[in-house]
N, C-alpha and C. Protein backbone atom coordinates (compact mmCIF):
# COMPACT_ATOMS: atom_id res chain seq x y z
N MET A 1 0.81 -1.20 0.00
CA MET A 1 0.00 0.00 0.00
C MET A 1 0.85 1.26 0.00
N ARG A 2 2.06 1.18 0.57
CA ARG A 2 2.93 2.35 0.57
C ARG A 2 3.29 2.76 -0.85
N LEU A 3 3.54 1.76 -1.70
CA LEU A 3 3.87 2.06 -3.09
C LEU A 3 2.68 2.70 -3.80
N ILE A 4 1.48 2.23 -3.52
CA ILE A 4 0.28 2.81 -4.14
C ILE A 4 0.12 4.26 -3.72
N ARG A 5 0.32 4.54 -2.42
CA ARG A 5 0.20 5.93 -1.95
C ARG A 5 1.31 6.79 -2.53
N ALA A 6 2.51 6.23 -2.67
CA ALA A 6 3.62 6.98 -3.26
C ALA A 6 3.33 7.34 -4.71
N ALA A 7 2.73 6.41 -5.46
CA ALA A 7 2.37 6.66 -6.85
C ALA A 7 1.30 7.75 -6.95
N ARG A 8 0.33 7.70 -6.05
CA ARG A 8 -0.72 8.72 -6.06
C ARG A 8 -0.13 10.10 -5.75
N GLY A 9 0.72 10.16 -4.73
CA GLY A 9 1.33 11.44 -4.37
C GLY A 9 2.21 11.98 -5.48
N ALA A 10 2.98 11.10 -6.12
CA ALA A 10 3.85 11.54 -7.21
C ALA A 10 3.04 12.06 -8.39
N GLY A 11 1.94 11.38 -8.71
CA GLY A 11 1.11 11.82 -9.81
C GLY A 11 0.45 13.16 -9.54
N VAL A 12 -0.08 13.35 -8.33
CA VAL A 12 -0.74 14.62 -7.98
C VAL A 12 0.27 15.76 -7.99
N ALA A 13 1.47 15.52 -7.43
CA ALA A 13 2.49 16.57 -7.37
C ALA A 13 2.94 16.98 -8.77
N ALA A 14 3.20 15.99 -9.63
CA ALA A 14 3.65 16.29 -10.99
C ALA A 14 2.56 17.00 -11.79
N LEU A 15 1.31 16.55 -11.62
CA LEU A 15 0.20 17.18 -12.35
C LEU A 15 -0.01 18.62 -11.89
N ALA A 16 0.08 18.86 -10.58
CA ALA A 16 -0.09 20.21 -10.05
C ALA A 16 1.00 21.14 -10.56
N ALA A 17 2.25 20.66 -10.53
CA ALA A 17 3.37 21.48 -11.01
C ALA A 17 3.25 21.74 -12.50
N GLY A 18 2.83 20.73 -13.26
CA GLY A 18 2.70 20.91 -14.70
C GLY A 18 1.60 21.90 -15.07
N ILE A 19 0.45 21.77 -14.43
CA ILE A 19 -0.66 22.69 -14.72
C ILE A 19 -0.29 24.11 -14.33
N TYR A 20 0.32 24.28 -13.17
CA TYR A 20 0.70 25.62 -12.72
C TYR A 20 1.71 26.23 -13.70
N SER A 21 2.63 25.42 -14.18
CA SER A 21 3.65 25.92 -15.11
C SER A 21 3.02 26.38 -16.41
N LEU A 22 2.06 25.60 -16.91
CA LEU A 22 1.41 25.95 -18.17
C LEU A 22 0.53 27.19 -18.04
N VAL A 23 -0.14 27.32 -16.89
CA VAL A 23 -1.09 28.42 -16.71
C VAL A 23 -0.41 29.71 -16.25
N ILE A 24 0.51 29.60 -15.29
CA ILE A 24 1.11 30.78 -14.66
C ILE A 24 2.54 31.05 -15.15
N LEU A 25 3.42 30.06 -15.00
CA LEU A 25 4.83 30.30 -15.31
C LEU A 25 5.05 30.60 -16.79
N ARG A 26 4.25 30.00 -17.64
CA ARG A 26 4.38 30.27 -19.08
C ARG A 26 4.14 31.75 -19.37
N GLN A 27 3.15 32.34 -18.70
CA GLN A 27 2.86 33.75 -18.90
C GLN A 27 4.02 34.63 -18.44
N VAL A 28 4.59 34.29 -17.27
CA VAL A 28 5.73 35.05 -16.75
C VAL A 28 6.92 34.94 -17.70
N TYR A 29 7.16 33.73 -18.20
CA TYR A 29 8.28 33.52 -19.12
C TYR A 29 8.10 34.34 -20.39
N LEU A 30 6.91 34.33 -20.93
CA LEU A 30 6.65 35.09 -22.15
C LEU A 30 6.85 36.59 -21.93
N MET A 31 6.46 37.08 -20.76
CA MET A 31 6.58 38.51 -20.48
C MET A 31 8.03 38.95 -20.29
N THR A 32 8.88 38.05 -19.80
CA THR A 32 10.24 38.45 -19.46
C THR A 32 11.28 38.02 -20.48
N VAL A 33 11.34 36.74 -20.76
CA VAL A 33 12.41 36.23 -21.63
C VAL A 33 12.15 36.53 -23.10
N ILE A 34 10.95 36.19 -23.57
CA ILE A 34 10.67 36.39 -24.99
C ILE A 34 10.56 37.87 -25.31
N ALA A 35 9.91 38.62 -24.43
CA ALA A 35 9.78 40.05 -24.65
C ALA A 35 11.07 40.80 -24.39
N GLN A 36 12.02 40.14 -23.72
CA GLN A 36 13.32 40.75 -23.41
C GLN A 36 13.16 42.02 -22.56
N ASN A 37 12.11 42.07 -21.74
CA ASN A 37 11.91 43.25 -20.90
C ASN A 37 11.02 42.87 -19.73
N THR A 38 11.39 43.35 -18.54
CA THR A 38 10.58 43.11 -17.35
C THR A 38 9.87 44.37 -16.88
N GLN A 39 9.88 45.39 -17.74
CA GLN A 39 9.24 46.65 -17.38
C GLN A 39 7.74 46.45 -17.20
N GLY A 40 7.22 46.96 -16.08
CA GLY A 40 5.79 46.90 -15.85
C GLY A 40 5.27 45.57 -15.36
N LEU A 41 6.17 44.67 -14.90
CA LEU A 41 5.70 43.40 -14.36
C LEU A 41 4.90 43.63 -13.08
N PRO A 42 3.85 42.85 -12.85
CA PRO A 42 3.11 42.96 -11.59
C PRO A 42 4.01 42.64 -10.40
N GLU A 43 3.67 43.20 -9.25
CA GLU A 43 4.49 42.99 -8.06
C GLU A 43 4.49 41.54 -7.61
N GLU A 44 3.44 40.80 -7.93
CA GLU A 44 3.36 39.41 -7.47
C GLU A 44 4.16 38.45 -8.34
N THR A 45 4.77 38.95 -9.42
CA THR A 45 5.50 38.06 -10.33
C THR A 45 6.59 37.24 -9.64
N PRO A 46 7.46 37.84 -8.80
CA PRO A 46 8.51 37.03 -8.16
C PRO A 46 7.96 35.88 -7.33
N TRP A 47 6.91 36.11 -6.52
CA TRP A 47 6.41 35.01 -5.70
C TRP A 47 5.65 33.98 -6.52
N GLN A 48 5.04 34.40 -7.63
CA GLN A 48 4.42 33.42 -8.53
C GLN A 48 5.47 32.49 -9.12
N TRP A 49 6.58 33.08 -9.52
CA TRP A 49 7.68 32.29 -10.08
C TRP A 49 8.25 31.35 -9.01
N GLY A 50 8.43 31.89 -7.80
CA GLY A 50 8.95 31.07 -6.71
C GLY A 50 8.03 29.93 -6.33
N LEU A 51 6.72 30.17 -6.34
CA LEU A 51 5.76 29.11 -6.02
C LEU A 51 5.86 27.96 -7.01
N GLY A 52 6.07 28.32 -8.29
CA GLY A 52 6.26 27.26 -9.29
C GLY A 52 7.47 26.41 -8.98
N GLY A 53 8.53 27.06 -8.51
CA GLY A 53 9.73 26.30 -8.12
C GLY A 53 9.46 25.35 -6.97
N TRP A 54 8.72 25.81 -5.97
CA TRP A 54 8.40 24.94 -4.83
C TRP A 54 7.54 23.76 -5.25
N LEU A 55 6.63 23.98 -6.17
CA LEU A 55 5.81 22.87 -6.66
C LEU A 55 6.66 21.82 -7.37
N TRP A 56 7.65 22.28 -8.16
CA TRP A 56 8.52 21.33 -8.84
C TRP A 56 9.45 20.62 -7.87
N LEU A 57 9.86 21.31 -6.80
CA LEU A 57 10.65 20.64 -5.76
C LEU A 57 9.83 19.53 -5.10
N LEU A 58 8.56 19.79 -4.87
CA LEU A 58 7.68 18.76 -4.32
C LEU A 58 7.54 17.59 -5.30
N ALA A 59 7.44 17.90 -6.59
CA ALA A 59 7.33 16.85 -7.60
C ALA A 59 8.60 16.00 -7.64
N ILE A 60 9.77 16.64 -7.50
CA ILE A 60 11.03 15.89 -7.49
C ILE A 60 11.10 14.98 -6.27
N PHE A 61 10.72 15.51 -5.10
CA PHE A 61 10.72 14.69 -3.89
C PHE A 61 9.76 13.51 -4.04
N SER A 62 8.58 13.75 -4.59
CA SER A 62 7.60 12.68 -4.78
C SER A 62 8.10 11.63 -5.76
N TRP A 63 8.82 12.08 -6.80
CA TRP A 63 9.42 11.13 -7.75
C TRP A 63 10.44 10.24 -7.05
N MET A 64 11.25 10.82 -6.18
CA MET A 64 12.22 10.03 -5.42
C MET A 64 11.52 9.01 -4.52
N VAL A 65 10.46 9.45 -3.84
CA VAL A 65 9.72 8.55 -2.97
C VAL A 65 9.15 7.37 -3.77
N LEU A 66 8.63 7.65 -4.97
CA LEU A 66 8.07 6.59 -5.81
C LEU A 66 9.14 5.59 -6.21
N LEU A 67 10.30 6.08 -6.67
CA LEU A 67 11.36 5.16 -7.07
C LEU A 67 11.89 4.36 -5.90
N VAL A 68 12.05 5.01 -4.73
CA VAL A 68 12.52 4.30 -3.55
C VAL A 68 11.51 3.23 -3.14
N ALA A 69 10.22 3.54 -3.21
CA ALA A 69 9.19 2.56 -2.87
C ALA A 69 9.23 1.38 -3.83
N LEU A 70 9.41 1.65 -5.12
CA LEU A 70 9.51 0.56 -6.10
C LEU A 70 10.71 -0.33 -5.81
N MET A 71 11.85 0.29 -5.55
CA MET A 71 13.06 -0.49 -5.28
C MET A 71 12.95 -1.25 -3.97
N HIS A 72 12.32 -0.61 -2.97
CA HIS A 72 12.17 -1.27 -1.67
C HIS A 72 11.31 -2.53 -1.79
N HIS A 73 10.27 -2.45 -2.60
CA HIS A 73 9.35 -3.57 -2.72
C HIS A 73 9.86 -4.67 -3.65
N TYR A 74 10.60 -4.28 -4.70
CA TYR A 74 10.87 -5.26 -5.76
C TYR A 74 12.34 -5.47 -6.13
N SER A 75 13.24 -4.57 -5.79
CA SER A 75 14.63 -4.73 -6.21
C SER A 75 15.46 -5.39 -5.10
N PRO A 76 16.14 -6.48 -5.41
CA PRO A 76 17.03 -7.10 -4.41
C PRO A 76 18.12 -6.13 -3.98
N VAL A 77 18.25 -5.91 -2.68
CA VAL A 77 19.17 -4.89 -2.15
C VAL A 77 20.63 -5.26 -2.40
N HIS A 78 20.93 -6.56 -2.43
CA HIS A 78 22.34 -6.98 -2.50
C HIS A 78 22.96 -6.77 -3.89
N ARG A 79 22.16 -6.46 -4.92
CA ARG A 79 22.71 -6.32 -6.26
C ARG A 79 23.49 -5.02 -6.42
N ILE A 80 24.55 -5.08 -7.21
CA ILE A 80 25.33 -3.88 -7.50
C ILE A 80 24.48 -2.88 -8.27
N SER A 81 23.66 -3.37 -9.20
CA SER A 81 22.83 -2.47 -10.00
C SER A 81 21.85 -1.70 -9.13
N SER A 82 21.35 -2.31 -8.06
CA SER A 82 20.43 -1.60 -7.17
C SER A 82 21.13 -0.44 -6.47
N SER A 83 22.38 -0.67 -6.06
CA SER A 83 23.16 0.40 -5.43
C SER A 83 23.44 1.52 -6.43
N LEU A 84 23.76 1.14 -7.67
CA LEU A 84 24.01 2.14 -8.70
C LEU A 84 22.76 2.95 -9.00
N GLN A 85 21.62 2.29 -9.04
CA GLN A 85 20.36 3.00 -9.29
C GLN A 85 20.08 4.01 -8.18
N SER A 86 20.32 3.59 -6.93
CA SER A 86 20.08 4.50 -5.81
C SER A 86 21.01 5.71 -5.88
N GLY A 87 22.29 5.47 -6.18
CA GLY A 87 23.24 6.58 -6.28
C GLY A 87 22.92 7.52 -7.41
N LEU A 88 22.54 6.96 -8.55
CA LEU A 88 22.21 7.79 -9.70
C LEU A 88 20.95 8.62 -9.44
N MET A 89 20.01 8.05 -8.72
CA MET A 89 18.79 8.78 -8.38
C MET A 89 19.12 9.98 -7.49
N VAL A 90 20.00 9.78 -6.51
CA VAL A 90 20.37 10.88 -5.61
C VAL A 90 21.10 11.99 -6.37
N ILE A 91 22.01 11.60 -7.27
CA ILE A 91 22.73 12.60 -8.07
C ILE A 91 21.77 13.38 -8.95
N ALA A 92 20.84 12.67 -9.59
CA ALA A 92 19.87 13.34 -10.46
C ALA A 92 19.01 14.30 -9.66
N ALA A 93 18.54 13.87 -8.49
CA ALA A 93 17.70 14.74 -7.66
C ALA A 93 18.48 15.97 -7.21
N THR A 94 19.76 15.80 -6.87
CA THR A 94 20.59 16.93 -6.44
C THR A 94 20.73 17.95 -7.56
N LEU A 95 20.98 17.48 -8.77
CA LEU A 95 21.12 18.40 -9.90
C LEU A 95 19.80 19.10 -10.21
N LEU A 96 18.71 18.35 -10.16
CA LEU A 96 17.41 18.95 -10.43
C LEU A 96 17.05 20.00 -9.38
N ILE A 97 17.30 19.68 -8.11
CA ILE A 97 17.00 20.64 -7.04
C ILE A 97 17.85 21.89 -7.19
N ALA A 98 19.14 21.71 -7.51
CA ALA A 98 20.01 22.87 -7.70
C ALA A 98 19.54 23.73 -8.87
N GLY A 99 19.11 23.07 -9.95
CA GLY A 99 18.60 23.81 -11.11
C GLY A 99 17.34 24.57 -10.79
N ILE A 100 16.43 23.92 -10.05
CA ILE A 100 15.19 24.59 -9.66
C ILE A 100 15.47 25.78 -8.76
N LEU A 101 16.36 25.61 -7.79
CA LEU A 101 16.68 26.70 -6.88
C LEU A 101 17.31 27.88 -7.62
N ALA A 102 18.19 27.57 -8.57
CA ALA A 102 18.78 28.65 -9.36
C ALA A 102 17.71 29.37 -10.17
N GLY A 103 16.80 28.61 -10.75
CA GLY A 103 15.72 29.22 -11.52
C GLY A 103 14.76 30.01 -10.66
N MET A 104 14.50 29.52 -9.44
CA MET A 104 13.61 30.22 -8.52
C MET A 104 14.14 31.60 -8.17
N ASN A 105 15.45 31.73 -8.10
CA ASN A 105 16.07 32.99 -7.70
C ASN A 105 16.40 33.88 -8.89
N ARG A 106 15.81 33.56 -10.03
CA ARG A 106 16.08 34.35 -11.24
C ARG A 106 15.76 35.82 -11.03
N PHE A 107 14.66 36.09 -10.34
CA PHE A 107 14.28 37.47 -10.07
C PHE A 107 15.04 38.03 -8.87
N GLY A 108 15.05 37.27 -7.75
CA GLY A 108 15.65 37.79 -6.53
C GLY A 108 17.12 38.09 -6.67
N LEU A 109 17.90 37.16 -7.26
CA LEU A 109 19.34 37.36 -7.40
C LEU A 109 19.66 38.50 -8.34
N VAL A 110 19.02 38.50 -9.49
CA VAL A 110 19.31 39.53 -10.49
C VAL A 110 18.90 40.90 -10.00
N HIS A 111 17.76 40.98 -9.38
CA HIS A 111 17.29 42.28 -8.91
C HIS A 111 18.10 42.77 -7.72
N ALA A 112 18.67 41.85 -6.94
CA ALA A 112 19.56 42.27 -5.85
C ALA A 112 20.85 42.84 -6.40
N LEU A 113 21.31 42.27 -7.52
CA LEU A 113 22.53 42.77 -8.14
C LEU A 113 22.28 44.05 -8.94
N ASN A 114 21.02 44.31 -9.27
CA ASN A 114 20.67 45.50 -10.04
C ASN A 114 19.60 46.28 -9.28
N ALA A 115 19.91 46.62 -8.01
CA ALA A 115 18.93 47.24 -7.13
C ALA A 115 18.46 48.60 -7.64
N ASP A 116 19.30 49.26 -8.42
CA ASP A 116 18.91 50.59 -8.90
C ASP A 116 17.83 50.51 -9.97
N GLN A 117 17.77 49.35 -10.70
CA GLN A 117 16.75 49.15 -11.72
C GLN A 117 16.19 47.73 -11.60
N PRO A 118 15.36 47.50 -10.57
CA PRO A 118 14.87 46.15 -10.34
C PRO A 118 14.02 45.60 -11.48
N PHE A 119 13.36 46.50 -12.23
CA PHE A 119 12.57 46.04 -13.38
C PHE A 119 12.96 46.86 -14.59
N GLY A 120 13.47 46.20 -15.57
CA GLY A 120 13.90 46.88 -16.77
C GLY A 120 14.30 45.86 -17.81
N PRO A 121 15.18 46.20 -18.75
CA PRO A 121 15.61 45.25 -19.77
C PRO A 121 16.31 44.04 -19.16
N ILE A 122 16.20 42.91 -19.83
CA ILE A 122 16.88 41.70 -19.40
C ILE A 122 18.39 41.96 -19.38
N THR A 123 19.03 41.64 -18.27
CA THR A 123 20.46 41.88 -18.13
C THR A 123 21.27 40.63 -18.47
N ALA A 124 22.58 40.83 -18.64
CA ALA A 124 23.45 39.69 -18.90
C ALA A 124 23.47 38.76 -17.70
N THR A 125 23.39 39.32 -16.49
CA THR A 125 23.37 38.49 -15.29
C THR A 125 22.18 37.55 -15.29
N GLU A 126 21.03 38.07 -15.68
CA GLU A 126 19.82 37.27 -15.71
C GLU A 126 19.94 36.14 -16.73
N LYS A 127 20.55 36.40 -17.86
CA LYS A 127 20.74 35.36 -18.86
C LYS A 127 21.70 34.29 -18.36
N ILE A 128 22.74 34.71 -17.62
CA ILE A 128 23.69 33.75 -17.06
C ILE A 128 23.00 32.84 -16.06
N VAL A 129 22.17 33.44 -15.19
CA VAL A 129 21.43 32.66 -14.20
C VAL A 129 20.54 31.64 -14.90
N GLU A 130 19.87 32.07 -15.95
CA GLU A 130 18.96 31.18 -16.68
C GLU A 130 19.73 30.04 -17.34
N LEU A 131 20.85 30.34 -17.97
CA LEU A 131 21.65 29.30 -18.63
C LEU A 131 22.21 28.32 -17.62
N PHE A 132 22.63 28.84 -16.45
CA PHE A 132 23.15 27.97 -15.39
C PHE A 132 22.06 27.03 -14.90
N ALA A 133 20.86 27.55 -14.67
CA ALA A 133 19.75 26.73 -14.21
C ALA A 133 19.38 25.68 -15.26
N LEU A 134 19.35 26.07 -16.53
CA LEU A 134 19.02 25.12 -17.59
C LEU A 134 20.06 24.01 -17.71
N SER A 135 21.32 24.35 -17.51
CA SER A 135 22.38 23.34 -17.57
C SER A 135 22.22 22.30 -16.47
N LEU A 136 21.93 22.77 -15.25
CA LEU A 136 21.71 21.86 -14.14
C LEU A 136 20.48 20.99 -14.38
N LEU A 137 19.42 21.61 -14.87
CA LEU A 137 18.19 20.86 -15.13
C LEU A 137 18.40 19.81 -16.23
N ALA A 138 19.13 20.19 -17.27
CA ALA A 138 19.39 19.24 -18.36
C ALA A 138 20.16 18.02 -17.86
N ALA A 139 21.18 18.26 -17.03
CA ALA A 139 21.96 17.15 -16.48
C ALA A 139 21.10 16.30 -15.55
N GLY A 140 20.30 16.95 -14.73
CA GLY A 140 19.43 16.20 -13.82
C GLY A 140 18.38 15.39 -14.55
N LEU A 141 17.79 15.96 -15.60
CA LEU A 141 16.80 15.23 -16.38
C LEU A 141 17.43 14.06 -17.12
N LEU A 142 18.65 14.25 -17.60
CA LEU A 142 19.35 13.15 -18.27
C LEU A 142 19.54 11.97 -17.32
N MET A 143 20.06 12.25 -16.13
CA MET A 143 20.31 11.17 -15.17
C MET A 143 19.02 10.63 -14.59
N GLY A 144 18.07 11.55 -14.28
CA GLY A 144 16.80 11.11 -13.74
C GLY A 144 16.00 10.27 -14.73
N GLY A 145 16.00 10.69 -15.99
CA GLY A 145 15.34 9.89 -17.01
C GLY A 145 16.00 8.54 -17.20
N GLY A 146 17.33 8.54 -17.14
CA GLY A 146 18.06 7.29 -17.29
C GLY A 146 17.76 6.29 -16.18
N VAL A 147 17.76 6.77 -14.92
CA VAL A 147 17.53 5.85 -13.81
C VAL A 147 16.07 5.40 -13.76
N THR A 148 15.15 6.27 -14.15
CA THR A 148 13.74 5.87 -14.18
C THR A 148 13.52 4.78 -15.22
N THR A 149 14.09 4.96 -16.41
CA THR A 149 13.98 3.95 -17.46
C THR A 149 14.64 2.65 -17.04
N TRP A 150 15.81 2.77 -16.41
CA TRP A 150 16.55 1.58 -15.96
C TRP A 150 15.73 0.78 -14.96
N ILE A 151 15.15 1.45 -13.98
CA ILE A 151 14.38 0.76 -12.95
C ILE A 151 13.15 0.10 -13.57
N CYS A 152 12.46 0.80 -14.47
CA CYS A 152 11.28 0.23 -15.12
C CYS A 152 11.63 -1.04 -15.90
N ILE A 153 12.68 -0.96 -16.70
CA ILE A 153 13.10 -2.13 -17.49
C ILE A 153 13.58 -3.25 -16.57
N ASP A 154 14.30 -2.87 -15.52
CA ASP A 154 14.84 -3.85 -14.58
C ASP A 154 13.73 -4.65 -13.91
N LEU A 155 12.67 -3.99 -13.50
CA LEU A 155 11.58 -4.69 -12.82
C LEU A 155 10.82 -5.60 -13.78
N VAL A 156 10.79 -5.23 -15.05
CA VAL A 156 10.16 -6.11 -16.04
C VAL A 156 11.04 -7.34 -16.29
N VAL A 157 12.35 -7.11 -16.43
CA VAL A 157 13.29 -8.22 -16.65
C VAL A 157 13.26 -9.19 -15.47
N LEU A 158 13.17 -8.65 -14.26
CA LEU A 158 13.11 -9.48 -13.06
C LEU A 158 11.74 -10.13 -12.87
N ARG A 159 10.78 -9.80 -13.73
CA ARG A 159 9.43 -10.33 -13.68
C ARG A 159 8.73 -9.99 -12.36
N LYS A 160 9.00 -8.77 -11.89
CA LYS A 160 8.36 -8.29 -10.67
C LYS A 160 7.03 -7.61 -10.97
N LEU A 161 6.98 -6.86 -12.08
CA LEU A 161 5.77 -6.14 -12.47
C LEU A 161 5.52 -6.33 -13.97
N PRO A 162 4.26 -6.28 -14.41
CA PRO A 162 3.96 -6.46 -15.84
C PRO A 162 4.57 -5.34 -16.69
N ALA A 163 4.98 -5.70 -17.88
CA ALA A 163 5.60 -4.73 -18.79
C ALA A 163 4.64 -3.59 -19.11
N ALA A 164 3.34 -3.90 -19.26
CA ALA A 164 2.38 -2.86 -19.61
C ALA A 164 2.31 -1.77 -18.55
N TRP A 165 2.58 -2.13 -17.29
CA TRP A 165 2.56 -1.14 -16.22
C TRP A 165 3.78 -0.22 -16.28
N MET A 166 4.88 -0.74 -16.77
CA MET A 166 6.14 -0.01 -16.73
C MET A 166 6.44 0.80 -17.98
N VAL A 167 5.73 0.51 -19.06
CA VAL A 167 5.99 1.20 -20.33
C VAL A 167 5.86 2.72 -20.21
N PRO A 168 4.80 3.26 -19.60
CA PRO A 168 4.71 4.73 -19.51
C PRO A 168 5.86 5.35 -18.72
N GLY A 169 6.29 4.71 -17.65
CA GLY A 169 7.41 5.23 -16.88
C GLY A 169 8.70 5.21 -17.67
N ALA A 170 8.93 4.11 -18.40
CA ALA A 170 10.13 4.03 -19.23
C ALA A 170 10.08 5.06 -20.35
N ALA A 171 8.89 5.27 -20.93
CA ALA A 171 8.75 6.27 -22.00
C ALA A 171 9.05 7.67 -21.48
N ALA A 172 8.55 7.98 -20.28
CA ALA A 172 8.83 9.29 -19.68
C ALA A 172 10.33 9.47 -19.47
N GLY A 173 10.99 8.41 -19.00
CA GLY A 173 12.43 8.49 -18.77
C GLY A 173 13.21 8.67 -20.06
N VAL A 174 12.82 7.95 -21.10
CA VAL A 174 13.52 8.07 -22.38
C VAL A 174 13.39 9.48 -22.95
N LEU A 175 12.19 10.04 -22.85
CA LEU A 175 11.99 11.41 -23.34
C LEU A 175 12.84 12.41 -22.57
N ALA A 176 12.97 12.22 -21.27
CA ALA A 176 13.79 13.12 -20.45
C ALA A 176 15.26 13.04 -20.84
N LEU A 177 15.68 11.91 -21.37
CA LEU A 177 17.09 11.73 -21.77
C LEU A 177 17.53 12.73 -22.84
N PHE A 178 16.58 13.21 -23.63
CA PHE A 178 16.92 14.13 -24.72
C PHE A 178 17.02 15.59 -24.27
N SER A 179 16.80 15.85 -23.00
CA SER A 179 16.77 17.23 -22.51
C SER A 179 18.05 18.01 -22.78
N PRO A 180 19.25 17.44 -22.60
CA PRO A 180 20.46 18.24 -22.87
C PRO A 180 20.55 18.75 -24.30
N PHE A 181 19.87 18.08 -25.21
CA PHE A 181 19.94 18.47 -26.61
C PHE A 181 18.76 19.34 -27.05
N LEU A 182 17.68 19.35 -26.26
CA LEU A 182 16.46 20.03 -26.67
C LEU A 182 16.12 21.27 -25.84
N LEU A 183 16.52 21.31 -24.58
CA LEU A 183 16.21 22.50 -23.77
C LEU A 183 16.80 23.74 -24.39
N PRO A 184 16.10 24.90 -24.35
CA PRO A 184 14.88 25.18 -23.59
C PRO A 184 13.57 24.79 -24.27
N GLU A 185 13.61 24.02 -25.35
CA GLU A 185 12.39 23.47 -25.93
C GLU A 185 11.75 22.51 -24.92
N LEU A 186 10.44 22.62 -24.72
CA LEU A 186 9.79 21.88 -23.64
C LEU A 186 8.76 20.86 -24.11
N ARG A 187 8.53 20.75 -25.41
CA ARG A 187 7.47 19.87 -25.87
C ARG A 187 7.72 18.42 -25.49
N HIS A 188 8.98 17.99 -25.57
CA HIS A 188 9.26 16.60 -25.20
C HIS A 188 9.01 16.35 -23.72
N LEU A 189 9.23 17.39 -22.89
CA LEU A 189 8.99 17.24 -21.45
C LEU A 189 7.50 17.23 -21.13
N LEU A 190 6.69 17.92 -21.93
CA LEU A 190 5.25 17.86 -21.74
C LEU A 190 4.73 16.45 -22.02
N ILE A 191 5.26 15.83 -23.06
CA ILE A 191 4.88 14.45 -23.36
C ILE A 191 5.38 13.52 -22.26
N ALA A 192 6.60 13.77 -21.78
CA ALA A 192 7.16 12.96 -20.70
C ALA A 192 6.32 13.10 -19.43
N LEU A 193 5.88 14.32 -19.14
CA LEU A 193 5.03 14.56 -17.96
C LEU A 193 3.72 13.79 -18.08
N PHE A 194 3.12 13.81 -19.27
CA PHE A 194 1.89 13.07 -19.49
C PHE A 194 2.10 11.57 -19.26
N ALA A 195 3.19 11.02 -19.83
CA ALA A 195 3.49 9.60 -19.66
C ALA A 195 3.75 9.26 -18.20
N TYR A 196 4.45 10.15 -17.51
CA TYR A 196 4.74 9.94 -16.10
C TYR A 196 3.46 9.92 -15.27
N CYS A 197 2.54 10.83 -15.54
CA CYS A 197 1.27 10.87 -14.82
C CYS A 197 0.44 9.62 -15.11
N VAL A 198 0.47 9.14 -16.35
CA VAL A 198 -0.23 7.90 -16.70
C VAL A 198 0.36 6.74 -15.91
N TRP A 199 1.68 6.71 -15.81
CA TRP A 199 2.36 5.66 -15.03
C TRP A 199 1.92 5.69 -13.57
N CYS A 200 1.92 6.88 -12.99
CA CYS A 200 1.47 7.02 -11.60
C CYS A 200 0.02 6.61 -11.45
N LEU A 201 -0.79 6.91 -12.46
CA LEU A 201 -2.20 6.53 -12.44
C LEU A 201 -2.35 5.02 -12.44
N ILE A 202 -1.56 4.35 -13.28
CA ILE A 202 -1.62 2.89 -13.37
C ILE A 202 -1.28 2.24 -12.04
N LEU A 203 -0.24 2.75 -11.38
CA LEU A 203 0.19 2.17 -10.11
C LEU A 203 -0.68 2.64 -8.94
N GLY A 204 -1.11 3.89 -9.00
CA GLY A 204 -1.78 4.48 -7.85
C GLY A 204 -3.23 4.11 -7.68
N PHE A 205 -3.90 3.70 -8.75
CA PHE A 205 -5.32 3.41 -8.64
C PHE A 205 -5.60 1.92 -8.56
N ARG A 206 -4.63 1.18 -8.09
CA ARG A 206 -4.83 -0.25 -7.85
C ARG A 206 -5.06 -0.48 -6.37
N THR A 207 -5.83 -1.50 -6.08
CA THR A 207 -6.09 -1.83 -4.68
C THR A 207 -5.02 -2.75 -4.11
N SER A 208 -4.28 -3.40 -4.99
CA SER A 208 -3.19 -4.27 -4.55
C SER A 208 -2.16 -4.39 -5.66
N LEU A 209 -0.96 -4.80 -5.29
CA LEU A 209 0.14 -4.98 -6.24
C LEU A 209 0.75 -6.36 -6.04
N PRO A 210 1.40 -6.92 -7.07
CA PRO A 210 2.03 -8.23 -6.91
C PRO A 210 3.05 -8.21 -5.78
N ALA A 211 3.15 -9.33 -5.09
CA ALA A 211 4.13 -9.45 -4.01
C ALA A 211 5.54 -9.42 -4.59
N GLY A 212 6.43 -8.75 -3.89
CA GLY A 212 7.81 -8.66 -4.38
C GLY A 212 8.55 -9.97 -4.30
N TYR A 213 8.31 -10.74 -3.22
CA TYR A 213 9.00 -12.00 -3.01
C TYR A 213 7.97 -13.03 -2.53
N PRO A 214 7.14 -13.53 -3.47
CA PRO A 214 6.05 -14.44 -3.07
C PRO A 214 6.56 -15.73 -2.43
N GLU A 215 7.80 -16.12 -2.72
CA GLU A 215 8.31 -17.37 -2.17
C GLU A 215 8.51 -17.28 -0.66
N PHE A 216 8.56 -16.06 -0.12
CA PHE A 216 8.74 -15.89 1.32
C PHE A 216 7.44 -15.54 2.03
N GLU A 217 6.33 -15.56 1.31
CA GLU A 217 5.06 -15.16 1.90
C GLU A 217 4.09 -16.35 1.97
């Protein structure tokens, strides 16, 4: 049941962050980056941007909980590959969190460095902050997508869970792998988010799951 609750939480967190990004953050991005000017931005813009970051941090944490629950229930702890998967997941989460935090401070850091003109044309500092955040996110998505795909395929190979249940998770991971080459293009991540939510739906709306080690039960 812990895995089912973890899947539900991960799906809700990812869906909330995705919807908020499409509805709110997209508007802020269009007003600042594409327009190349922050003149006349509403006062609530910085906290709206920051709230989006906190939602994505929650989604990252929920993703980690889901993968840990999957590994706890179905992956033999003594295997080297299980240890590698755990380490790669931690590295990916660290990079993603660092990228989100850098992106969250896009307004606060830049405006602190340009206190005389807190709202005006996009500065070189702001572009550097954005590129730094995107680089961290790309690396985190690459590793996070890789470990998610690896775990999904691994559990199918070990015959722990049906392949049909794992396909959406593996698809989401594969799509995330292309992030270093496609960011700041986001269409592949929107498809990955949809596949990830479908995966969480498949796992989260079940009343029971196969036993990890039926021979001991």
